[in-house]
Amino acid sequence: MKALEAPGEARAEWEFLHELVENTTGQNGYSTIEGLFNQMAGEVEAFKAKELTWAALGDTGVTVEL
């Protein structure tokens, strides 16, 4: 879900972060927002505790205690 379309050649934040990680580490990593979230969910303790996945977020998201 997007609030607004990016103007011109603007990119989504996750696309910028993907390129930054690839250029600085040489690792390709995730190639979609789902992939990024699922990678974070496997590494961030608060996300791991909830066993979160992109598919489980739904339209309203979830609350995570930090």
PDB file of N, CA and C in Angstrom:
ATOM      1  N   MET A   1       0.840  -1.162   0.000  1.00  0.00           N
ATOM      2  CA  MET A   1       0.000   0.000   0.000  1.00  0.00           C
ATOM      3  C   MET A   1       0.896   1.239   0.000  1.00  0.00           C
ATOM      4  N   LYS A   2       0.563   2.217  -0.840  1.00  0.00           N
ATOM      5  CA  LYS A   2       1.314   3.465  -0.921  1.00  0.00           C
ATOM      6  C   LYS A   2       0.390   4.627  -0.607  1.00  0.00           C
ATOM      7  N   ALA A   3       0.919   5.587   0.127  1.00  0.00           N
ATOM      8  CA  ALA A   3       0.155   6.806   0.383  1.00  0.00           C
ATOM      9  C   ALA A   3       0.141   7.674  -0.868  1.00  0.00           C
ATOM     10  N   LEU A   4       1.299   7.816  -1.492  1.00  0.00           N
ATOM     11  CA  LEU A   4       1.449   8.643  -2.694  1.00  0.00           C
ATOM     12  C   LEU A   4       2.462   8.012  -3.632  1.00  0.00           C
ATOM     13  N   GLU A   5       2.320   8.284  -4.912  1.00  0.00           N
ATOM     14  CA  GLU A   5       3.339   7.882  -5.875  1.00  0.00           C
ATOM     15  C   GLU A   5       4.496   8.864  -5.792  1.00  0.00           C
ATOM     16  N   ALA A   6       5.699   8.356  -5.880  1.00  0.00           N
ATOM     17  CA  ALA A   6       6.884   9.216  -5.850  1.00  0.00           C
ATOM     18  C   ALA A   6       6.956  10.024  -7.144  1.00  0.00           C
ATOM     19  N   PRO A   7       7.301  11.305  -7.046  1.00  0.00           N
ATOM     20  CA  PRO A   7       7.368  12.138  -8.252  1.00  0.00           C
ATOM     21  C   PRO A   7       8.643  11.877  -9.057  1.00  0.00           C
ATOM     22  N   GLY A   8       8.549  12.012 -10.353  1.00  0.00           N
ATOM     23  CA  GLY A   8       9.726  11.933 -11.218  1.00  0.00           C
ATOM     24  C   GLY A   8      10.530  10.665 -11.032  1.00  0.00           C
ATOM     25  N   GLU A   9      11.831  10.831 -10.788  1.00  0.00           N
ATOM     26  CA  GLU A   9      12.732   9.689 -10.630  1.00  0.00           C
ATOM     27  C   GLU A   9      12.942   9.302  -9.172  1.00  0.00           C
ATOM     28  N   ALA A  10      12.131   9.836  -8.283  1.00  0.00           N
ATOM     29  CA  ALA A  10      12.253   9.506  -6.860  1.00  0.00           C
ATOM     30  C   ALA A  10      11.994   8.016  -6.656  1.00  0.00           C
ATOM     31  N   ARG A  11      12.640   7.454  -5.629  1.00  0.00           N
ATOM     32  CA  ARG A  11      12.482   6.034  -5.328  1.00  0.00           C
ATOM     33  C   ARG A  11      11.978   5.864  -3.905  1.00  0.00           C
ATOM     34  N   ALA A  12      11.416   4.712  -3.650  1.00  0.00           N
ATOM     35  CA  ALA A  12      10.990   4.372  -2.294  1.00  0.00           C
ATOM     36  C   ALA A  12      12.217   4.241  -1.401  1.00  0.00           C
ATOM     37  N   GLU A  13      12.042   4.489  -0.099  1.00  0.00           N
ATOM     38  CA  GLU A  13      13.161   4.420   0.845  1.00  0.00           C
ATOM     39  C   GLU A  13      13.850   3.070   0.806  1.00  0.00           C
ATOM     40  N   TRP A  14      13.060   1.984   0.748  1.00  0.00           N
ATOM     41  CA  TRP A  14      13.670   0.671   0.786  1.00  0.00           C
ATOM     42  C   TRP A  14      14.545   0.429  -0.445  1.00  0.00           C
ATOM     43  N   GLU A  15      14.176   1.002  -1.606  1.00  0.00           N
ATOM     44  CA  GLU A  15      14.998   0.840  -2.800  1.00  0.00           C
ATOM     45  C   GLU A  15      16.333   1.568  -2.635  1.00  0.00           C
ATOM     46  N   PHE A  16      16.290   2.752  -2.039  1.00  0.00           N
ATOM     47  CA  PHE A  16      17.514   3.501  -1.763  1.00  0.00           C
ATOM     48  C   PHE A  16      18.404   2.713  -0.803  1.00  0.00           C
ATOM     49  N   LEU A  17      17.811   2.173   0.265  1.00  0.00           N
ATOM     50  CA  LEU A  17      18.587   1.405   1.243  1.00  0.00           C
ATOM     51  C   LEU A  17      19.183   0.149   0.620  1.00  0.00           C
ATOM     52  N   HIS A  18      18.410  -0.504  -0.247  1.00  0.00           N
ATOM     53  CA  HIS A  18      18.917  -1.691  -0.933  1.00  0.00           C
ATOM     54  C   HIS A  18      20.161  -1.342  -1.739  1.00  0.00           C
ATOM     55  N   GLU A  19      20.096  -0.265  -2.511  1.00  0.00           N
ATOM     56  CA  GLU A  19      21.240   0.144  -3.320  1.00  0.00           C
ATOM     57  C   GLU A  19      22.428   0.550  -2.450  1.00  0.00           C
ATOM     58  N   LEU A  20      22.153   1.238  -1.346  1.00  0.00           N
ATOM     59  CA  LEU A  20      23.219   1.646  -0.433  1.00  0.00           C
ATOM     60  C   LEU A  20      23.946   0.429   0.140  1.00  0.00           C
ATOM     61  N   VAL A  21      23.192  -0.557   0.612  1.00  0.00           N
ATOM     62  CA  VAL A  21      23.791  -1.775   1.169  1.00  0.00           C
ATOM     63  C   VAL A  21      24.591  -2.509   0.097  1.00  0.00           C
ATOM     64  N   GLU A  22      24.020  -2.630  -1.086  1.00  0.00           N
ATOM     65  CA  GLU A  22      24.713  -3.331  -2.170  1.00  0.00           C
ATOM     66  C   GLU A  22      26.019  -2.621  -2.538  1.00  0.00           C
ATOM     67  N   ASN A  23      25.987  -1.299  -2.619  1.00  0.00           N
ATOM     68  CA  ASN A  23      27.179  -0.546  -3.012  1.00  0.00           C
ATOM     69  C   ASN A  23      28.245  -0.505  -1.922  1.00  0.00           C
ATOM     70  N   THR A  24      27.847  -0.555  -0.670  1.00  0.00           N
ATOM     71  CA  THR A  24      28.831  -0.457   0.410  1.00  0.00           C
ATOM     72  C   THR A  24      29.345  -1.810   0.879  1.00  0.00           C
ATOM     73  N   THR A  25      28.530  -2.862   0.758  1.00  0.00           N
ATOM     74  CA  THR A  25      28.950  -4.173   1.257  1.00  0.00           C
ATOM     75  C   THR A  25      29.187  -5.194   0.154  1.00  0.00           C
ATOM     76  N   GLY A  26      28.650  -4.923  -1.035  1.00  0.00           N
ATOM     77  CA  GLY A  26      28.746  -5.893  -2.121  1.00  0.00           C
ATOM     78  C   GLY A  26      27.716  -6.996  -2.016  1.00  0.00           C
ATOM     79  N   GLN A  27      26.865  -6.936  -0.988  1.00  0.00           N
ATOM     80  CA  GLN A  27      25.825  -7.949  -0.798  1.00  0.00           C
ATOM     81  C   GLN A  27      24.518  -7.446  -1.392  1.00  0.00           C
ATOM     82  N   ASN A  28      23.878  -8.290  -2.183  1.00  0.00           N
ATOM     83  CA  ASN A  28      22.640  -7.888  -2.842  1.00  0.00           C
ATOM     84  C   ASN A  28      21.464  -7.869  -1.874  1.00  0.00           C
ATOM     85  N   GLY A  29      21.394  -8.816  -0.970  1.00  0.00           N
ATOM     86  CA  GLY A  29      20.331  -8.835   0.031  1.00  0.00           C
ATOM     87  C   GLY A  29      18.942  -8.941  -0.575  1.00  0.00           C
ATOM     88  N   TYR A  30      18.021  -8.238   0.001  1.00  0.00           N
ATOM     89  CA  TYR A  30      16.624  -8.281  -0.404  1.00  0.00           C
ATOM     90  C   TYR A  30      16.406  -7.506  -1.697  1.00  0.00           C
ATOM     91  N   SER A  31      15.336  -7.829  -2.424  1.00  0.00           N
ATOM     92  CA  SER A  31      15.030  -7.105  -3.656  1.00  0.00           C
ATOM     93  C   SER A  31      13.598  -6.585  -3.671  1.00  0.00           C
ATOM     94  N   THR A  32      12.876  -6.773  -2.559  1.00  0.00           N
ATOM     95  CA  THR A  32      11.511  -6.252  -2.430  1.00  0.00           C
ATOM     96  C   THR A  32      11.316  -5.737  -1.014  1.00  0.00           C
ATOM     97  N   ILE A  33      10.281  -4.945  -0.810  1.00  0.00           N
ATOM     98  CA  ILE A  33       9.970  -4.463   0.537  1.00  0.00           C
ATOM     99  C   ILE A  33       9.603  -5.643   1.438  1.00  0.00           C
ATOM    100  N   GLU A  34       8.936  -6.650   0.871  1.00  0.00           N
ATOM    101  CA  GLU A  34       8.614  -7.847   1.645  1.00  0.00           C
ATOM    102  C   GLU A  34       9.887  -8.541   2.106  1.00  0.00           C
ATOM    103  N   GLY A  35      10.848  -8.665   1.207  1.00  0.00           N
ATOM    104  CA  GLY A  35      12.119  -9.290   1.555  1.00  0.00           C
ATOM    105  C   GLY A  35      12.849  -8.537   2.646  1.00  0.00           C
ATOM    106  N   LEU A  36      12.855  -7.212   2.549  1.00  0.00           N
ATOM    107  CA  LEU A  36      13.490  -6.386   3.579  1.00  0.00           C
ATOM    108  C   LEU A  36      12.816  -6.604   4.923  1.00  0.00           C
ATOM    109  N   PHE A  37      11.488  -6.548   4.950  1.00  0.00           N
ATOM    110  CA  PHE A  37      10.780  -6.726   6.214  1.00  0.00           C
ATOM    111  C   PHE A  37      11.043  -8.102   6.797  1.00  0.00           C
ATOM    112  N   ASN A  38      10.956  -9.129   5.974  1.00  0.00           N
ATOM    113  CA  ASN A  38      11.171 -10.484   6.474  1.00  0.00           C
ATOM    114  C   ASN A  38      12.599 -10.676   6.973  1.00  0.00           C
ATOM    115  N   GLN A  39      13.569 -10.016   6.332  1.00  0.00           N
ATOM    116  CA  GLN A  39      14.948 -10.072   6.822  1.00  0.00           C
ATOM    117  C   GLN A  39      15.032  -9.396   8.185  1.00  0.00           C
ATOM    118  N   MET A  40      14.441  -8.217   8.317  1.00  0.00           N
ATOM    119  CA  MET A  40      14.439  -7.520   9.609  1.00  0.00           C
ATOM    120  C   MET A  40      13.736  -8.358  10.666  1.00  0.00           C
ATOM    121  N   ALA A  41      12.627  -8.982  10.293  1.00  0.00           N
ATOM    122  CA  ALA A  41      11.863  -9.782  11.246  1.00  0.00           C
ATOM    123  C   ALA A  41      12.679 -10.955  11.771  1.00  0.00           C
ATOM    124  N   GLY A  42      13.628 -11.428  10.985  1.00  0.00           N
ATOM    125  CA  GLY A  42      14.488 -12.515  11.424  1.00  0.00           C
ATOM    126  C   GLY A  42      15.674 -12.060  12.250  1.00  0.00           C
ATOM    127  N   GLU A  43      15.913 -10.742  12.310  1.00  0.00           N
ATOM    128  CA  GLU A  43      17.090 -10.227  13.006  1.00  0.00           C
ATOM    129  C   GLU A  43      16.776  -9.318  14.188  1.00  0.00           C
ATOM    130  N   VAL A  44      15.637  -8.658  14.178  1.00  0.00           N
ATOM    131  CA  VAL A  44      15.268  -7.726  15.252  1.00  0.00           C
ATOM    132  C   VAL A  44      14.517  -8.508  16.331  1.00  0.00           C
ATOM    133  N   GLU A  45      15.039  -8.483  17.559  1.00  0.00           N
ATOM    134  CA  GLU A  45      14.477  -9.307  18.640  1.00  0.00           C
ATOM    135  C   GLU A  45      12.979  -9.083  18.849  1.00  0.00           C
ATOM    136  N   ALA A  46      12.537  -7.830  18.847  1.00  0.00           N
ATOM    137  CA  ALA A  46      11.115  -7.545  19.075  1.00  0.00           C
ATOM    138  C   ALA A  46      10.253  -8.151  17.971  1.00  0.00           C
ATOM    139  N   PHE A  47      10.760  -8.175  16.753  1.00  0.00           N
ATOM    140  CA  PHE A  47      10.022  -8.769  15.640  1.00  0.00           C
ATOM    141  C   PHE A  47      10.054 -10.289  15.743  1.00  0.00           C
ATOM    142  N   LYS A  48      11.230 -10.834  16.111  1.00  0.00           N
ATOM    143  CA  LYS A  48      11.364 -12.283  16.238  1.00  0.00           C
ATOM    144  C   LYS A  48      10.428 -12.823  17.311  1.00  0.00           C
ATOM    145  N   ALA A  49      10.280 -12.070  18.412  1.00  0.00           N
ATOM    146  CA  ALA A  49       9.417 -12.515  19.510  1.00  0.00           C
ATOM    147  C   ALA A  49       7.970 -12.660  19.053  1.00  0.00           C
ATOM    148  N   LYS A  50       7.549 -11.827  18.118  1.00  0.00           N
ATOM    149  CA  LYS A  50       6.176 -11.885  17.588  1.00  0.00           C
ATOM    150  C   LYS A  50       6.063 -12.832  16.401  1.00  0.00           C
ATOM    151  N   GLU A  51       7.206 -13.365  15.927  1.00  0.00           N
ATOM    152  CA  GLU A  51       7.239 -14.215  14.737  1.00  0.00           C
ATOM    153  C   GLU A  51       6.548 -13.526  13.561  1.00  0.00           C
ATOM    154  N   LEU A  52       6.907 -12.258  13.348  1.00  0.00           N
ATOM    155  CA  LEU A  52       6.278 -11.457  12.310  1.00  0.00           C
ATOM    156  C   LEU A  52       6.748 -11.839  10.916  1.00  0.00           C
ATOM    157  N   THR A  53       5.852 -11.705   9.965  1.00  0.00           N
ATOM    158  CA  THR A  53       6.168 -11.804   8.546  1.00  0.00           C
ATOM    159  C   THR A  53       5.412 -10.690   7.842  1.00  0.00           C
ATOM    160  N   TRP A  54       5.840 -10.363   6.645  1.00  0.00           N
ATOM    161  CA  TRP A  54       5.164  -9.329   5.856  1.00  0.00           C
ATOM    162  C   TRP A  54       3.698  -9.708   5.658  1.00  0.00           C
ATOM    163  N   ALA A  55       3.453 -10.968   5.336  1.00  0.00           N
ATOM    164  CA  ALA A  55       2.092 -11.424   5.072  1.00  0.00           C
ATOM    165  C   ALA A  55       1.195 -11.266   6.292  1.00  0.00           C
ATOM    166  N   ALA A  56       1.762 -11.389   7.495  1.00  0.00           N
ATOM    167  CA  ALA A  56       0.965 -11.306   8.721  1.00  0.00           C
ATOM    168  C   ALA A  56       0.601  -9.872   9.101  1.00  0.00           C
ATOM    169  N   LEU A  57       1.231  -8.873   8.475  1.00  0.00           N
ATOM    170  CA  LEU A  57       0.964  -7.486   8.852  1.00  0.00           C
ATOM    171  C   LEU A  57      -0.444  -7.032   8.495  1.00  0.00           C
ATOM    172  N   GLY A  58      -0.950  -7.467   7.365  1.00  0.00           N
ATOM    173  CA  GLY A  58      -2.269  -7.030   6.943  1.00  0.00           C
ATOM    174  C   GLY A  58      -2.295  -5.537   6.648  1.00  0.00           C
ATOM    175  N   ASP A  59      -3.490  -4.961   6.596  1.00  0.00           N
ATOM    176  CA  ASP A  59      -3.643  -3.542   6.270  1.00  0.00           C
ATOM    177  C   ASP A  59      -3.400  -2.629   7.454  1.00  0.00           C
ATOM    178  N   THR A  60      -3.523  -3.151   8.662  1.00  0.00           N
ATOM    179  CA  THR A  60      -3.423  -2.284   9.840  1.00  0.00           C
ATOM    180  C   THR A  60      -2.137  -2.467  10.625  1.00  0.00           C
ATOM    181  N   GLY A  61      -1.299  -3.427  10.241  1.00  0.00           N
ATOM    182  CA  GLY A  61      -0.044  -3.637  10.951  1.00  0.00           C
ATOM    183  C   GLY A  61      -0.247  -4.322  12.287  1.00  0.00           C
ATOM    184  N   VAL A  62       0.789  -4.315  13.109  1.00  0.00           N
ATOM    185  CA  VAL A  62       0.741  -4.917  14.435  1.00  0.00           C
ATOM    186  C   VAL A  62       1.474  -4.015  15.413  1.00  0.00           C
ATOM    187  N   THR A  63       1.205  -4.203  16.684  1.00  0.00           N
ATOM    188  CA  THR A  63       1.908  -3.465  17.728  1.00  0.00           C
ATOM    189  C   THR A  63       3.047  -4.321  18.245  1.00  0.00           C
ATOM    190  N   VAL A  64       4.229  -3.728  18.332  1.00  0.00           N
ATOM    191  CA  VAL A  64       5.409  -4.431  18.830  1.00  0.00           C
ATOM    192  C   VAL A  64       5.947  -3.652  20.013  1.00  0.00           C
ATOM    193  N   GLU A  65       6.083  -4.322  21.142  1.00  0.00           N
ATOM    194  CA  GLU A  65       6.656  -3.689  22.330  1.00  0.00           C
ATOM    195  C   GLU A  65       8.171  -3.720  22.216  1.00  0.00           C
ATOM    196  N   LEU A  66       8.788  -2.576  22.400  1.00  0.00           N
ATOM    197  CA  LEU A  66      10.254  -2.504  22.331  1.00  0.00           C
ATOM    198  C   LEU A  66      10.850  -2.446  23.706  1.00  0.00           C
TER     199      LEU A  66
END
